[in-house]
Protein backbone atom coordinates (compact mmCIF):
# COMPACT_ATOMS: atom_id res chain seq x y z
CA UNK A 1 52.88 -42.28 0.54
CA UNK A 2 52.59 -38.85 -1.05
CA UNK A 3 54.94 -39.35 -3.99
CA UNK A 4 55.36 -40.30 -6.72
CA UNK A 5 52.11 -39.03 -8.22
CA UNK A 6 50.50 -39.56 -11.57
CA UNK A 7 47.44 -38.15 -13.31
CA UNK A 8 45.04 -40.86 -12.14
CA UNK A 9 46.44 -41.21 -8.66
CA UNK A 10 45.67 -37.56 -7.99
CA UNK A 11 41.98 -38.13 -8.67
CA UNK A 12 41.48 -41.71 -7.54
CA UNK A 13 44.00 -42.09 -4.73
CA UNK A 14 45.60 -45.18 -6.31
CA UNK A 15 47.51 -46.33 -9.37
CA UNK A 16 45.88 -49.45 -10.84
CA UNK A 17 48.22 -49.54 -13.84
CA UNK A 18 46.21 -48.08 -16.73
CA UNK A 19 45.98 -49.96 -20.03
CA UNK A 20 46.71 -46.84 -22.08
CA UNK A 21 49.52 -44.37 -22.65
CA UNK A 22 49.62 -40.60 -23.00
CA UNK A 23 48.98 -40.75 -26.73
CA UNK A 24 45.76 -42.66 -26.02
CA UNK A 25 44.74 -39.90 -23.62
CA UNK A 26 45.45 -37.31 -26.29
CA UNK A 27 43.37 -39.06 -28.95
CA UNK A 28 40.59 -39.77 -26.44
CA UNK A 29 40.15 -36.02 -26.02
CA UNK A 30 40.44 -35.42 -29.76
CA UNK A 31 37.62 -37.90 -30.40
CA UNK A 32 35.58 -36.43 -27.56
CA UNK A 33 35.96 -32.94 -29.01
CA UNK A 34 34.84 -34.11 -32.45
CA UNK A 35 31.85 -35.83 -30.86
CA UNK A 36 30.93 -32.58 -29.12
CA UNK A 37 30.78 -30.85 -32.50
CA UNK A 38 28.59 -33.65 -33.85
CA UNK A 39 26.35 -33.52 -30.78
CA UNK A 40 25.94 -29.78 -31.18
CA UNK A 41 25.00 -30.19 -34.85
CA UNK A 42 22.49 -32.95 -34.06
CA UNK A 43 20.84 -30.89 -31.33
CA UNK A 44 20.54 -27.86 -33.58
CA UNK A 45 18.89 -29.88 -36.35
CA UNK A 46 16.42 -31.97 -34.33
CA UNK A 47 13.62 -29.76 -32.95
CA UNK A 48 12.57 -32.40 -30.38
CA UNK A 49 15.93 -32.16 -28.64
CA UNK A 50 15.57 -28.38 -28.42
CA UNK A 51 12.01 -28.75 -27.11
CA UNK A 52 13.28 -31.05 -24.36
CA UNK A 53 16.05 -28.54 -23.50
CA UNK A 54 18.62 -31.30 -23.82
CA UNK A 55 22.11 -29.80 -23.67
CA UNK A 56 24.59 -30.64 -26.38
CA UNK A 57 26.75 -32.50 -23.87
CA UNK A 58 23.91 -34.95 -23.16
CA UNK A 59 23.26 -35.47 -26.86
CA UNK A 60 26.97 -36.08 -27.37
CA UNK A 61 27.15 -38.53 -24.49
CA UNK A 62 24.19 -40.52 -25.78
CA UNK A 63 25.73 -40.55 -29.25
CA UNK A 64 28.97 -41.93 -27.81
CA UNK A 65 26.98 -44.54 -25.85
CA UNK A 66 25.19 -45.69 -29.02
CA UNK A 67 28.46 -45.94 -30.96
CA UNK A 68 30.33 -47.68 -28.13
CA UNK A 69 30.46 -51.23 -26.77
CA UNK A 70 27.23 -50.97 -24.77
CA UNK A 71 25.01 -50.68 -27.87
CA UNK A 72 26.83 -51.04 -31.20
CA UNK A 73 29.38 -53.44 -29.72
CA UNK A 74 26.64 -55.58 -28.16
CA UNK A 75 24.78 -55.73 -31.49
CA UNK A 76 27.89 -56.77 -33.42
CA UNK A 77 28.94 -59.39 -30.85
CA UNK A 78 32.28 -60.51 -29.44
CA UNK A 79 35.15 -61.28 -31.78
CA UNK A 80 33.98 -58.68 -34.26
CA UNK A 81 36.17 -55.71 -35.10
CA UNK A 82 33.30 -53.53 -33.84
CA UNK A 83 32.92 -55.41 -30.55
CA UNK A 84 33.92 -52.22 -28.71
CA UNK A 85 31.94 -50.03 -31.08
CA UNK A 86 33.84 -47.58 -33.25
CA UNK A 87 36.15 -46.56 -30.39
CA UNK A 88 39.41 -48.33 -29.47
CA UNK A 89 39.50 -49.90 -26.03
CA UNK A 90 42.23 -47.55 -24.71
CA UNK A 91 40.02 -44.57 -25.59
CA UNK A 92 37.12 -46.13 -23.69
CA UNK A 93 39.42 -46.75 -20.72
CA UNK A 94 40.42 -43.07 -20.70
CA UNK A 95 36.78 -41.96 -20.88
CA UNK A 96 35.97 -44.20 -17.94
CA UNK A 97 38.44 -42.25 -15.79
CA UNK A 98 37.50 -38.76 -16.96
CA UNK A 99 34.43 -38.14 -14.72
CA UNK A 100 36.36 -38.82 -11.53
CA UNK A 101 39.13 -36.45 -12.65
CA UNK A 102 37.36 -33.52 -14.29
CA UNK A 103 34.69 -33.18 -11.62
CA UNK A 104 37.56 -31.87 -9.48
CA UNK A 105 38.13 -29.08 -12.01
CA UNK A 106 34.41 -28.22 -11.97
CA UNK A 107 34.38 -27.83 -8.20
CA UNK A 108 37.74 -26.10 -7.99
CA UNK A 109 36.43 -23.29 -10.23
CA UNK A 110 33.18 -22.69 -8.35
CA UNK A 111 34.54 -20.09 -5.91
CA UNK A 112 37.62 -18.86 -7.77
CA UNK A 113 36.91 -15.26 -8.72
CA UNK A 114 33.84 -15.08 -6.48
CA UNK A 115 33.44 -12.99 -3.35
CA UNK A 116 33.56 -15.33 -0.34
CA UNK A 117 30.94 -14.41 2.26
CA UNK A 118 31.31 -14.93 5.99
CA UNK A 119 30.58 -18.37 7.51
CA UNK A 120 27.29 -16.99 8.83
CA UNK A 121 26.24 -15.88 5.36
CA UNK A 122 27.31 -19.23 3.90
CA UNK A 123 25.09 -21.10 6.37
CA UNK A 124 22.21 -18.70 5.81
CA UNK A 125 22.36 -19.32 2.07
CA UNK A 126 23.10 -23.05 2.19
CA UNK A 127 21.04 -24.24 5.19
CA UNK A 128 17.85 -25.01 3.20
CA UNK A 129 19.93 -26.85 0.60
CA UNK A 130 21.76 -28.78 3.32
CA UNK A 131 18.50 -29.85 4.96
CA UNK A 132 16.99 -30.94 1.64
CA UNK A 133 20.08 -32.82 0.45
CA UNK A 134 20.56 -34.58 3.79
CA UNK A 135 16.89 -35.58 3.85
CA UNK A 136 17.19 -37.23 0.45
CA UNK A 137 20.39 -39.06 1.40
CA UNK A 138 19.23 -40.43 4.76
CA UNK A 139 15.90 -41.36 3.21
CA UNK A 140 17.74 -43.50 0.67
CA UNK A 141 19.18 -45.50 3.56
CA UNK A 142 15.77 -45.81 5.21
CA UNK A 143 14.09 -46.98 1.99
CA UNK A 144 16.94 -49.35 1.14
CA UNK A 145 17.16 -50.92 4.60
CA UNK A 146 13.39 -51.39 4.76
CA UNK A 147 13.58 -53.20 1.41
CA UNK A 148 16.49 -55.32 2.64
CA UNK A 149 14.59 -56.39 5.76
CA UNK A 150 11.30 -57.13 4.00
CA UNK A 151 12.17 -58.27 0.45
CA UNK A 152 15.81 -58.26 -0.64
CA UNK A 153 17.13 -60.62 2.06
CA UNK A 154 14.13 -62.93 2.68
CA UNK A 155 12.96 -63.16 -0.95
CA UNK A 156 16.05 -62.62 -3.12
CA UNK A 157 18.61 -63.89 -0.61
CA UNK A 158 20.80 -60.80 -0.78
CA UNK A 159 23.04 -59.72 2.07
CA UNK A 160 21.48 -57.05 4.35
CA UNK A 161 24.26 -54.74 3.14
CA UNK A 162 22.08 -54.37 0.03
CA UNK A 163 20.10 -51.83 2.06
CA UNK A 164 22.98 -49.37 1.59
CA UNK A 165 23.20 -49.80 -2.18
CA UNK A 166 20.74 -47.04 -3.12
CA UNK A 167 22.82 -44.43 -1.32
CA UNK A 168 26.12 -45.87 -2.56
CA UNK A 169 25.01 -46.10 -6.19
CA UNK A 170 22.61 -43.16 -6.47
CA UNK A 171 24.03 -40.57 -4.09
CA UNK A 172 27.61 -41.75 -4.40
CA UNK A 173 27.75 -42.50 -8.12
CA UNK A 174 30.17 -44.60 -10.13
CA UNK A 175 33.25 -43.34 -8.31
CA UNK A 176 31.88 -44.27 -4.90
CA UNK A 177 30.49 -47.57 -6.17
CA UNK A 178 33.85 -48.50 -7.64
CA UNK A 179 35.69 -47.34 -4.53
CA UNK A 180 33.42 -49.41 -2.28
CA UNK A 181 33.85 -52.58 -4.36
CA UNK A 182 36.74 -53.93 -2.32
CA UNK A 183 34.98 -53.17 0.97
CA UNK A 184 31.78 -54.90 -0.15
CA UNK A 185 33.71 -57.95 -1.34
CA UNK A 186 35.69 -58.17 1.90
CA UNK A 187 32.44 -58.09 3.86
CA UNK A 188 31.18 -61.10 1.89
CA UNK A 189 28.71 -59.29 -0.36
CA UNK A 190 29.99 -60.60 -3.70
CA UNK A 191 27.07 -59.21 -5.70
CA UNK A 192 27.44 -55.78 -4.13
CA UNK A 193 30.00 -54.17 -6.48
CA UNK A 194 28.06 -55.07 -9.64
CA UNK A 195 24.74 -53.98 -8.17
CA UNK A 196 26.23 -50.70 -6.94
CA UNK A 197 27.73 -49.92 -10.34
CA UNK A 198 24.47 -50.89 -12.02
CA UNK A 199 22.50 -48.57 -9.75
CA UNK A 200 24.95 -45.78 -10.49
CA UNK A 201 24.36 -46.38 -14.20
CA UNK A 202 20.59 -46.30 -13.74
CA UNK A 203 21.04 -43.19 -11.62
CA UNK A 204 22.81 -41.28 -14.38
CA UNK A 205 20.28 -42.26 -17.05
CA UNK A 206 17.21 -41.78 -14.85
CA UNK A 207 18.64 -38.59 -13.42
CA UNK A 208 18.91 -37.05 -16.87
CA UNK A 209 15.57 -38.42 -18.13
CA UNK A 210 13.53 -37.57 -15.05
CA UNK A 211 15.40 -34.29 -14.72
CA UNK A 212 14.41 -33.27 -18.23
CA UNK A 213 10.82 -34.34 -17.54
CA UNK A 214 10.75 -32.42 -14.27
CA UNK A 215 12.29 -29.36 -15.93
CA UNK A 216 9.61 -29.33 -18.62
CA UNK A 217 6.89 -29.98 -16.04
CA UNK A 218 8.18 -27.13 -13.88
CA UNK A 219 8.33 -24.83 -16.89
CA UNK A 220 4.75 -25.67 -17.88
CA UNK A 221 3.47 -25.27 -14.30
CA UNK A 222 5.26 -21.99 -13.71
CA UNK A 223 7.46 -23.38 -10.93
CA UNK A 224 10.66 -22.07 -12.55
CA UNK A 225 11.10 -18.54 -11.27
CA UNK A 226 13.89 -17.69 -13.71
CA UNK A 227 12.12 -16.77 -16.96
CA UNK A 228 13.45 -16.85 -20.49
CA UNK A 229 13.39 -13.05 -20.47
CA UNK A 230 15.66 -13.09 -17.43
CA UNK A 231 18.05 -15.38 -19.26
CA UNK A 232 18.13 -13.14 -22.32
CA UNK A 233 18.91 -10.17 -20.12
CA UNK A 234 21.71 -12.17 -18.55
CA UNK A 235 23.63 -12.47 -21.81
CA UNK A 236 25.65 -9.54 -20.49
CA UNK A 237 27.62 -9.95 -17.27
CA UNK A 238 25.61 -9.50 -14.10
CA UNK A 239 26.33 -6.64 -11.78
CA UNK A 240 28.14 -8.93 -9.37
CA UNK A 241 30.49 -10.01 -12.18
CA UNK A 242 30.99 -6.65 -13.80
CA UNK A 243 34.47 -5.25 -13.43
CA UNK A 244 35.63 -1.73 -13.20
CA UNK A 245 37.99 -0.41 -15.90
CA UNK A 246 40.63 -0.07 -13.19
CA UNK A 247 40.44 -3.79 -12.40
CA UNK A 248 40.75 -4.80 -16.04
CA UNK A 249 43.65 -2.41 -16.53
CA UNK A 250 45.43 -3.70 -13.43
CA UNK A 251 45.01 -7.32 -14.58
CA UNK A 252 46.24 -6.52 -18.09
CA UNK A 253 49.29 -4.72 -16.69
CA UNK A 254 50.13 -7.59 -14.35
CA UNK A 255 49.71 -10.25 -17.05
CA UNK A 256 51.82 -8.20 -19.44
CA UNK A 257 54.63 -8.03 -16.90
CA UNK A 258 54.38 -11.78 -16.20
CA UNK A 259 54.41 -12.65 -19.91
CA UNK A 260 51.74 -15.32 -19.40
CA UNK A 261 48.49 -16.04 -21.20
CA UNK A 262 45.39 -15.37 -19.03
CA UNK A 263 44.10 -18.89 -19.61
CA UNK A 264 47.41 -20.36 -18.43
CA UNK A 265 47.30 -18.23 -15.28
CA UNK A 266 43.73 -19.31 -14.53
CA UNK A 267 44.65 -22.93 -15.12
CA UNK A 268 47.43 -22.47 -12.58
CA UNK A 269 44.96 -21.23 -9.96
CA UNK A 270 42.68 -24.21 -10.66
CA UNK A 271 45.63 -26.57 -10.31
CA UNK A 272 46.63 -24.90 -7.04
CA UNK A 273 43.09 -25.31 -5.67
CA UNK A 274 43.05 -29.02 -6.55
CA UNK A 275 46.54 -29.51 -5.11
CA UNK A 276 45.46 -27.94 -1.81
CA UNK A 277 42.41 -30.21 -1.77
CA UNK A 278 44.66 -33.21 -2.37
CA UNK A 279 46.96 -32.18 0.48
CA UNK A 280 43.91 -31.93 2.77
CA UNK A 281 42.85 -35.40 1.62
CA UNK A 282 46.29 -36.82 2.37
CA UNK A 283 46.26 -35.14 5.77
CA UNK A 284 42.93 -36.75 6.62
CA UNK A 285 44.25 -40.12 5.51
CA UNK A 286 47.33 -39.66 7.69
CA UNK A 287 45.25 -38.69 10.72
CA UNK A 288 43.08 -41.77 10.24
CA UNK A 289 46.08 -44.08 9.89
CA UNK A 290 47.69 -42.71 13.06
CA UNK A 291 44.63 -42.50 15.32
CA UNK A 292 42.48 -45.57 14.66
CA UNK A 293 43.68 -47.41 11.57
CA UNK A 294 47.24 -48.33 12.52
CA UNK A 295 48.60 -51.10 10.39
CA UNK A 296 45.73 -50.82 7.92
CA UNK A 297 43.50 -53.15 9.94
CA UNK A 298 41.02 -50.62 11.33
CA UNK A 299 37.87 -49.07 9.90
CA UNK A 300 38.61 -46.79 6.95
CA UNK A 301 36.38 -43.71 6.97
CA UNK A 302 38.29 -40.50 6.23
CA UNK A 303 40.12 -42.13 3.32
CA UNK A 304 36.75 -42.57 1.58
CA UNK A 305 36.18 -38.82 1.26
CA UNK A 306 36.45 -37.98 -2.47
CA UNK A 307 38.72 -35.27 -3.77
CA UNK A 308 36.23 -32.95 -5.46
CA UNK A 309 34.63 -31.44 -2.30
CA UNK A 310 38.14 -30.86 -0.98
CA UNK A 311 39.08 -29.23 -4.29
CA UNK A 312 36.19 -26.86 -3.63
CA UNK A 313 37.71 -26.10 -0.22
CA UNK A 314 41.04 -25.55 -1.96
CA UNK A 315 39.38 -23.04 -4.28
CA UNK A 316 37.99 -21.16 -1.30
CA UNK A 317 41.44 -21.09 0.33
CA UNK A 318 43.06 -19.76 -2.86
CA UNK A 319 40.37 -17.10 -3.27
CA UNK A 320 40.63 -15.99 0.37
CA UNK A 321 44.41 -15.76 0.03
CA UNK A 322 44.10 -13.61 -3.08
CA UNK A 323 41.58 -11.35 -1.35
CA UNK A 324 43.78 -11.10 1.73
CA UNK A 325 46.75 -9.91 -0.36
CA UNK A 326 44.61 -7.76 -2.69
CA UNK A 327 45.36 -9.94 -5.71
CA UNK A 328 41.83 -11.08 -6.52
CA UNK A 329 41.87 -8.92 -9.67
CA UNK A 330 44.11 -11.58 -11.24
CA UNK A 331 41.10 -13.88 -11.72
CA UNK A 332 38.50 -13.14 -14.37
CA UNK A 333 35.32 -14.81 -13.16
CA UNK A 334 33.91 -15.15 -16.67
CA UNK A 335 37.03 -16.97 -17.86
CA UNK A 336 36.91 -19.21 -14.79
CA UNK A 337 33.27 -20.02 -15.63
CA UNK A 338 34.36 -21.11 -19.10
CA UNK A 339 37.05 -23.40 -17.65
CA UNK A 340 34.49 -25.00 -15.37
CA UNK A 341 32.03 -25.25 -18.25
CA UNK A 342 34.49 -27.13 -20.45
CA UNK A 343 35.29 -29.52 -17.60
CA UNK A 344 31.57 -30.07 -16.97
CA UNK A 345 30.87 -30.84 -20.64
CA UNK A 346 33.76 -33.31 -20.75
CA UNK A 347 32.59 -34.94 -17.50
CA UNK A 348 29.02 -35.40 -18.73
CA UNK A 349 30.00 -36.82 -22.14
CA UNK A 350 32.52 -39.25 -20.69
CA UNK A 351 30.15 -40.41 -17.94
CA UNK A 352 27.38 -41.21 -20.41
CA UNK A 353 29.77 -42.79 -22.91
CA UNK A 354 31.21 -45.10 -20.22
CA UNK A 355 27.92 -46.64 -19.06
CA UNK A 356 27.99 -50.45 -19.02
CA UNK A 357 24.51 -51.73 -19.77
CA UNK A 358 25.50 -55.39 -19.35
CA UNK A 359 25.67 -55.04 -15.56
CA UNK A 360 21.90 -54.55 -15.40
CA UNK A 361 21.24 -58.20 -16.29
CA UNK A 362 22.40 -59.86 -13.08
CA UNK A 363 20.02 -59.96 -10.10
CA UNK A 364 17.48 -58.14 -12.23
CA UNK A 365 14.53 -58.46 -9.84
CA UNK A 366 16.33 -56.99 -6.84
CA UNK A 367 18.08 -54.50 -9.04
CA UNK A 368 14.81 -53.29 -10.54
CA UNK A 369 13.23 -52.98 -7.11
CA UNK A 370 16.12 -50.92 -5.77
CA UNK A 371 16.10 -48.72 -8.86
CA UNK A 372 12.38 -47.99 -8.77
CA UNK A 373 12.41 -47.37 -5.03
CA UNK A 374 15.35 -44.99 -5.26
CA UNK A 375 13.93 -43.03 -8.18
CA UNK A 376 10.50 -42.79 -6.55
CA UNK A 377 11.93 -41.53 -3.28
CA UNK A 378 14.02 -38.86 -4.99
CA UNK A 379 11.15 -37.56 -7.12
CA UNK A 380 8.70 -37.50 -4.20
CA UNK A 381 11.25 -35.61 -2.11
CA UNK A 382 11.64 -33.02 -4.85
CA UNK A 383 7.92 -32.53 -5.48
CA UNK A 384 6.82 -32.53 -1.84
CA UNK A 385 9.79 -31.52 0.30
CA UNK A 386 11.69 -29.02 -1.86
CA UNK A 387 8.98 -26.28 -1.87
CA UNK A 388 8.54 -26.77 1.91
CA UNK A 389 12.23 -26.65 2.82
CA UNK A 390 13.75 -24.26 0.25
CA UNK A 391 12.03 -20.85 0.56
CA UNK A 392 13.25 -19.19 -2.66
CA UNK A 393 13.85 -20.63 -6.13
CA UNK A 394 12.95 -24.06 -4.77
CA UNK A 395 12.76 -25.61 -8.23
CA UNK A 396 16.09 -24.32 -9.52
CA UNK A 397 17.87 -25.19 -6.28
CA UNK A 398 16.12 -28.47 -5.54
CA UNK A 399 16.59 -30.02 -8.96
CA UNK A 400 20.36 -29.92 -8.48
CA UNK A 401 20.03 -32.17 -5.45
CA UNK A 402 17.76 -34.52 -7.40
CA UNK A 403 20.45 -34.87 -10.06
CA UNK A 404 23.19 -35.39 -7.50
CA UNK A 405 21.12 -37.94 -5.60
CA UNK A 406 20.75 -40.07 -8.74
CA UNK A 407 24.30 -41.00 -9.58
CA UNK A 408 26.67 -38.10 -10.20
CA UNK A 409 27.20 -34.53 -9.07
CA UNK A 410 27.63 -33.45 -12.67
CA UNK A 411 23.99 -34.40 -13.33
CA UNK A 412 22.89 -31.99 -10.62
CA UNK A 413 24.94 -29.22 -12.17
CA UNK A 414 23.54 -30.11 -15.58
CA UNK A 415 19.91 -29.93 -14.44
CA UNK A 416 20.49 -26.58 -12.77
CA UNK A 417 22.10 -25.40 -16.00
CA UNK A 418 18.96 -26.47 -17.88
CA UNK A 419 16.53 -24.45 -15.74
CA UNK A 420 18.87 -21.55 -14.90
CA UNK A 421 21.52 -21.35 -17.65
CA UNK A 422 22.73 -17.89 -16.65
CA UNK A 423 22.83 -18.46 -12.90
CA UNK A 424 20.17 -15.94 -11.90
CA UNK A 425 18.71 -17.90 -8.98
CA UNK A 426 21.82 -18.46 -6.85
CA UNK A 427 21.25 -22.21 -7.18
CA UNK A 428 24.85 -22.91 -8.20
CA UNK A 429 26.26 -20.98 -5.24
CA UNK A 430 23.96 -22.60 -2.67
CA UNK A 431 24.56 -26.02 -4.22
CA UNK A 432 28.30 -25.49 -3.96
CA UNK A 433 28.12 -24.24 -0.37
CA UNK A 434 26.00 -27.26 0.51
CA UNK A 435 28.82 -29.62 -0.47
CA UNK A 436 30.89 -28.35 2.47
CA UNK A 437 28.24 -29.76 4.85
CA UNK A 438 27.24 -32.74 2.70
CA UNK A 439 30.05 -34.57 0.92
CA UNK A 440 32.19 -35.24 4.00
CA UNK A 441 29.30 -37.28 5.44
CA UNK A 442 27.19 -38.88 2.69
CA UNK A 443 27.41 -39.20 -1.09
CA UNK A 444 30.82 -40.84 -0.85
CA UNK A 445 31.79 -39.43 2.55
CA UNK A 446 32.20 -40.73 6.07
CA UNK A 447 28.92 -42.53 6.57
CA UNK A 448 28.84 -43.91 3.04
CA UNK A 449 32.18 -45.59 3.69
CA UNK A 450 31.18 -46.86 7.12
CA UNK A 451 27.59 -47.99 6.41
CA UNK A 452 28.33 -51.53 5.10
CA UNK A 453 30.64 -52.25 8.02
CA UNK A 454 28.11 -50.84 10.48
CA UNK A 455 25.41 -53.09 9.02
CA UNK A 456 27.66 -56.15 9.40
CA UNK A 457 28.78 -55.27 12.93
CA UNK A 458 25.48 -54.07 14.41
CA UNK A 459 22.84 -55.47 12.04
CA UNK A 460 20.44 -53.70 9.68
CA UNK A 461 17.82 -52.78 12.28
CA UNK A 462 20.06 -50.55 14.46
CA UNK A 463 21.40 -48.83 11.34
CA UNK A 464 17.83 -48.38 10.09
CA UNK A 465 16.86 -46.75 13.39
CA UNK A 466 19.92 -44.48 13.25
CA UNK A 467 19.24 -43.34 9.68
CA UNK A 468 15.54 -42.91 10.44
CA UNK A 469 16.42 -40.65 13.38
CA UNK A 470 18.78 -38.61 11.20
CA UNK A 471 16.12 -38.31 8.50
CA UNK A 472 13.61 -37.08 11.09
CA UNK A 473 16.13 -34.57 12.43
CA UNK A 474 16.83 -33.03 9.04
CA UNK A 475 13.15 -32.92 8.12
CA UNK A 476 12.26 -31.17 11.37
CA UNK A 477 15.16 -28.76 10.97
CA UNK A 478 14.26 -28.12 7.33
CA UNK A 479 10.64 -27.23 8.09
CA UNK A 480 11.67 -25.07 11.07
CA UNK A 481 14.42 -23.33 9.11
CA UNK A 482 11.97 -22.59 6.27
CA UNK A 483 9.60 -20.84 8.67
CA UNK A 484 12.44 -18.88 10.27
CA UNK A 485 13.66 -17.60 6.90
CA UNK A 486 10.17 -16.66 5.70
CA UNK A 487 9.37 -14.93 8.99
CA UNK A 488 12.61 -12.96 8.95
CA UNK A 489 12.06 -11.95 5.35
CA UNK A 490 8.57 -10.66 6.23
CA UNK A 491 9.97 -8.64 9.12
CA UNK A 492 12.64 -7.14 6.89
CA UNK A 493 10.01 -6.23 4.29
CA UNK A 494 7.85 -4.52 6.90
CA UNK A 495 10.85 -2.64 8.27
CA UNK A 496 11.64 -1.31 4.81
């Protein structure tokens, strides 16, 4: 059913009946905005936070976590007026929904106002990123299934489906973990939803912590190609974002005739991009229901694709339409960057503030093993594979995939922002292009949705062999593609 819609249904695909009203939403954002000011002040006055290059949004999120139910509320105990921290429960409920909603805004803005290259140029730019991201994802299945076969099932008595939890929790994040809860329960894996959400929580925290450590290590080792001098130079718009006086005049004239504020117009384009992505999502759901899921009894795969990669596709469609009709001057790329930046800050703060630390207690041994194995695999992939698969700016581009592979896409964007705050390396563009070849499959896509069912139907060993073969394919392709790009670049240099 396409209508009626509400705010949460657009992002989550369902209406669970929220425990808050619109006024709660309003005050949730008011409190979040005040916390952002406090986080900014704290960061500016604590030199250690500046040394670690921690963004204000991270400081704000950690502050909200400390003042919320996970820390302050746990210390005060149940039945106390501070059992939920200093924040009312409806505000916490709103914050819990924000990441799944505002990540759509972040992705919708990525290509709005940008020149869209040809499909060949997109693949040329994104292919190393695709190979690296796919290698991390399929490796998470291989590591998890090996643990399930050797330790988790025989020692801890967990269902073999536990082999898919690293990818569900780390690569998929809280949204995917929550979305898979019903599937895991139906398949008889009662502990699965809590473990998946716990892994997603560990993924966010470890993604930020290890990301900061890796960023400082890369800076000290000279692996970050974008220097501080480059960033200072980038305070002014880059050549690709500079506009001619004619373009600015044309936009001003058009906006004057429309009697609309530029920010309102840009918000409209973002909304249109997300709406197109939602229509694509509904179309995929309809195709699935007609072809192989009639009556709701079949395997659900397409319906598991999240909205935000489709919002990115919607942004591309809107941008191509504007270019086709010579209306692209209506979008100011710098203003669109600011819209995406606000959405990203809100997403990060809300995600950190909504972490539930209590879920880490249950099944602690298996949970700890899965967490350590997942973190170790991701870090080893970054240190060893990234410089051998990504030929240029491997650190700036690879660290985004490390962040994404540890719980939430926003973490990947955050870590790229830390090492390349003014987007000199092209990491943001290649990361965004990669999602077109990545999200429909893993990280909350087709295979993520199907993996638990495949493990139940065919057993963990066949699924392990399948994921191992896919990991080998992407590694071989990644190494080969790296050599092809380097060789071609050398030929071009000699020709010039």
